[in-house]
Amino acid sequence: MFPGHPERLNSFDYLGTHCYHIRFCTDRRQKIFTCASAYELALSQIQRAAARERFALLAYCFMPDHVHFVVQGLQDESDLRRFATAAKQLSGYAFSKANGGARLWQRYFYEHVLRSEETSRLVIRYVLANPVRAGLVVEPRNYPFLGSDVFSPEALFESCDLRGA
């Protein structure tokens, strides 16, 4: 029977300097991230959670109804579950306050542990190419709601060879 939420790995503690691909979906898959104000509000709170929980936002892409992140723990104590919870709570609270009590996120989130730098690069490429696959832009560099807190835009796109992706 499907449990109604994504399963976590029982044998993995989600602590340390691991790299992850995570996805948050908006409440009822509403198209919320279609304007700069919603994107900036959520991103600022997620960045706040990342700093607090010691995570680097290697890449992110805010699609209209969901968000992809490639994140990496910066210390042995970095806890992905704590980061994801804080990111959703802080951004959800700020969004609710700004939008008359509206909910921002679905209850759960999806995560995938990345096992190598090569895998991370492929996942970053996948994340940044999302708007192209959705038909929102012709190339990722034209999409306004993606980026990185670690890499400059040029370094981000060039390191993943996204020209024409």
Protein backbone atom coordinates (compact mmCIF):
# COMPACT_ATOMS: atom_id res chain seq x y z
CA MET A 1 0.00 0.00 0.00
CA PHE A 2 1.33 3.47 -0.91
CA PRO A 3 1.94 5.39 2.33
CA GLY A 4 0.92 8.81 0.96
CA HIS A 5 4.39 10.27 1.37
CA PRO A 6 7.86 9.54 0.07
CA GLU A 7 9.84 6.92 1.94
CA ARG A 8 13.18 7.83 3.47
CA LEU A 9 16.13 5.44 3.46
CA ASN A 10 16.10 3.51 6.73
CA SER A 11 19.83 2.86 6.71
CA PHE A 12 20.87 6.46 5.98
CA ASP A 13 20.95 9.23 8.61
CA TYR A 14 20.87 12.27 6.24
CA LEU A 15 23.68 13.89 8.24
CA GLY A 16 26.95 15.30 6.95
CA THR A 17 28.44 16.71 3.79
CA HIS A 18 26.30 14.72 1.37
CA CYS A 19 24.75 16.17 -1.77
CA TYR A 20 21.00 15.85 -2.39
CA HIS A 21 18.38 16.58 -5.01
CA ILE A 22 15.17 17.65 -3.26
CA ARG A 23 11.78 18.77 -4.55
CA PHE A 24 9.00 20.66 -2.79
CA CYS A 25 5.56 20.84 -4.43
CA THR A 26 3.17 23.72 -3.88
CA ASP A 27 -0.10 23.11 -2.08
CA ARG A 28 -2.56 21.47 -4.50
CA ARG A 29 0.09 22.07 -7.20
CA GLN A 30 -1.02 25.69 -7.52
CA LYS A 31 1.02 27.80 -9.95
CA ILE A 32 2.54 30.16 -7.40
CA PHE A 33 6.04 30.81 -8.74
CA THR A 34 5.07 32.80 -11.81
CA CYS A 35 6.13 36.22 -10.52
CA ALA A 36 9.30 37.60 -9.02
CA SER A 37 7.73 38.52 -5.69
CA ALA A 38 6.67 34.95 -4.78
CA TYR A 39 10.03 33.57 -5.96
CA GLU A 40 12.08 36.15 -4.06
CA LEU A 41 10.05 35.76 -0.87
CA ALA A 42 10.39 31.96 -0.83
CA LEU A 43 14.04 31.95 -1.92
CA SER A 44 15.07 34.42 0.79
CA GLN A 45 13.54 32.23 3.50
CA ILE A 46 15.04 29.04 2.05
CA GLN A 47 18.44 30.75 1.95
CA ARG A 48 17.92 31.69 5.60
CA ALA A 49 17.22 28.04 6.46
CA ALA A 50 20.27 26.91 4.44
CA ALA A 51 22.53 29.28 6.37
CA ARG A 52 21.05 28.23 9.70
CA GLU A 53 21.27 24.50 8.97
CA ARG A 54 24.66 24.75 7.18
CA PHE A 55 23.69 23.81 3.62
CA ALA A 56 24.90 25.20 0.30
CA LEU A 57 22.31 25.76 -2.43
CA LEU A 58 24.31 24.47 -5.40
CA ALA A 59 21.41 24.97 -7.83
CA TYR A 60 17.70 25.71 -7.68
CA CYS A 61 14.83 26.11 -10.09
CA PHE A 62 11.41 27.43 -9.10
CA MET A 63 8.87 26.01 -11.54
CA PRO A 64 5.31 27.38 -11.34
CA ASP A 65 4.07 24.56 -9.06
CA HIS A 66 7.21 23.01 -7.58
CA VAL A 67 10.83 23.73 -6.70
CA HIS A 68 13.99 21.70 -7.31
CA PHE A 69 17.16 22.11 -5.26
CA VAL A 70 20.59 20.54 -5.39
CA VAL A 71 22.02 21.07 -1.92
CA GLN A 72 25.10 20.00 -0.05
CA GLY A 73 25.74 19.78 3.67
CA LEU A 74 28.69 21.92 4.74
CA GLN A 75 29.47 20.25 8.06
CA ASP A 76 29.25 16.84 9.68
CA GLU A 77 26.22 18.10 11.64
CA SER A 78 24.31 19.28 8.54
CA ASP A 79 20.92 17.51 8.70
CA LEU A 80 18.87 17.36 5.50
CA ARG A 81 15.60 16.65 7.30
CA ARG A 82 16.10 19.65 9.58
CA PHE A 83 17.03 21.86 6.61
CA ALA A 84 13.99 20.81 4.54
CA THR A 85 11.66 21.30 7.49
CA ALA A 86 13.09 24.74 8.27
CA ALA A 87 13.05 25.79 4.60
CA LYS A 88 9.39 24.85 4.21
CA GLN A 89 8.37 26.35 7.56
CA LEU A 90 10.14 29.68 7.09
CA SER A 91 9.05 30.16 3.47
CA GLY A 92 5.55 28.84 4.15
CA TYR A 93 5.06 31.21 7.08
CA ALA A 94 6.30 34.24 5.12
CA PHE A 95 4.08 33.31 2.16
CA SER A 96 1.04 32.78 4.39
CA LYS A 97 1.58 36.15 6.07
CA ALA A 98 1.88 37.92 2.71
CA ASN A 99 -1.10 36.11 1.16
CA GLY A 100 -3.89 36.11 3.73
CA GLY A 101 -3.15 32.74 5.29
CA ALA A 102 -2.71 30.80 2.04
CA ARG A 103 -0.65 27.60 2.22
CA LEU A 104 2.51 27.37 0.14
CA TRP A 105 3.66 23.74 0.32
CA GLN A 106 2.35 20.21 0.24
CA ARG A 107 3.11 18.31 3.43
CA TYR A 108 6.02 16.14 2.30
CA PHE A 109 9.11 16.55 0.14
CA TYR A 110 11.07 14.25 -2.14
CA GLU A 111 14.79 13.66 -1.82
CA HIS A 112 17.51 11.72 -3.55
CA VAL A 113 21.01 11.24 -2.18
CA LEU A 114 23.61 11.96 -4.86
CA ARG A 115 26.58 9.64 -4.81
CA SER A 116 29.28 11.42 -6.83
CA GLU A 117 30.33 14.76 -8.29
CA GLU A 118 29.43 13.47 -11.74
CA THR A 119 25.94 12.55 -10.57
CA SER A 120 25.60 15.99 -8.97
CA ARG A 121 26.55 17.67 -12.25
CA LEU A 122 23.96 15.60 -14.16
CA VAL A 123 21.26 16.43 -11.63
CA ILE A 124 22.14 20.14 -11.74
CA ARG A 125 21.81 19.94 -15.52
CA TYR A 126 18.42 18.23 -15.14
CA VAL A 127 17.22 20.84 -12.62
CA LEU A 128 18.31 23.81 -14.73
CA ALA A 129 16.80 22.35 -17.91
CA ASN A 130 13.33 21.99 -16.33
CA PRO A 131 11.94 25.24 -17.79
CA VAL A 132 13.09 24.17 -21.27
CA ARG A 133 11.37 20.77 -20.99
CA ALA A 134 8.22 22.54 -19.77
CA GLY A 135 8.27 24.86 -22.80
CA LEU A 136 8.69 28.01 -20.71
CA VAL A 137 11.96 29.13 -22.35
CA VAL A 138 14.24 28.05 -25.18
CA GLU A 139 17.34 27.88 -22.99
CA PRO A 140 17.81 27.82 -19.20
CA ARG A 141 19.73 31.09 -18.99
CA ASN A 142 16.53 32.91 -20.09
CA TYR A 143 14.49 31.62 -17.15
CA PRO A 144 14.35 34.16 -14.30
CA PHE A 145 13.62 31.79 -11.41
CA LEU A 146 16.73 29.63 -11.21
CA GLY A 147 20.26 30.02 -9.92
CA SER A 148 22.84 29.05 -7.36
CA ASP A 149 24.21 30.47 -4.14
CA VAL A 150 27.59 28.90 -4.89
CA PHE A 151 28.24 29.38 -8.61
CA SER A 152 27.98 32.49 -10.78
CA PRO A 153 25.40 32.13 -13.57
CA GLU A 154 28.12 31.66 -16.19
CA ALA A 155 29.99 29.09 -14.12
CA LEU A 156 26.75 27.28 -13.36
CA PHE A 157 25.74 26.98 -17.00
CA GLU A 158 29.22 26.30 -18.34
CA SER A 159 30.10 23.66 -15.75
CA CYS A 160 27.02 21.74 -16.75
CA ASP A 161 27.38 22.45 -20.49
CA LEU A 162 23.83 23.73 -20.72
CA ARG A 163 24.21 25.69 -23.94
CA GLY A 164 21.28 24.56 -25.98
CA ALA A 165 20.01 22.15 -23.30
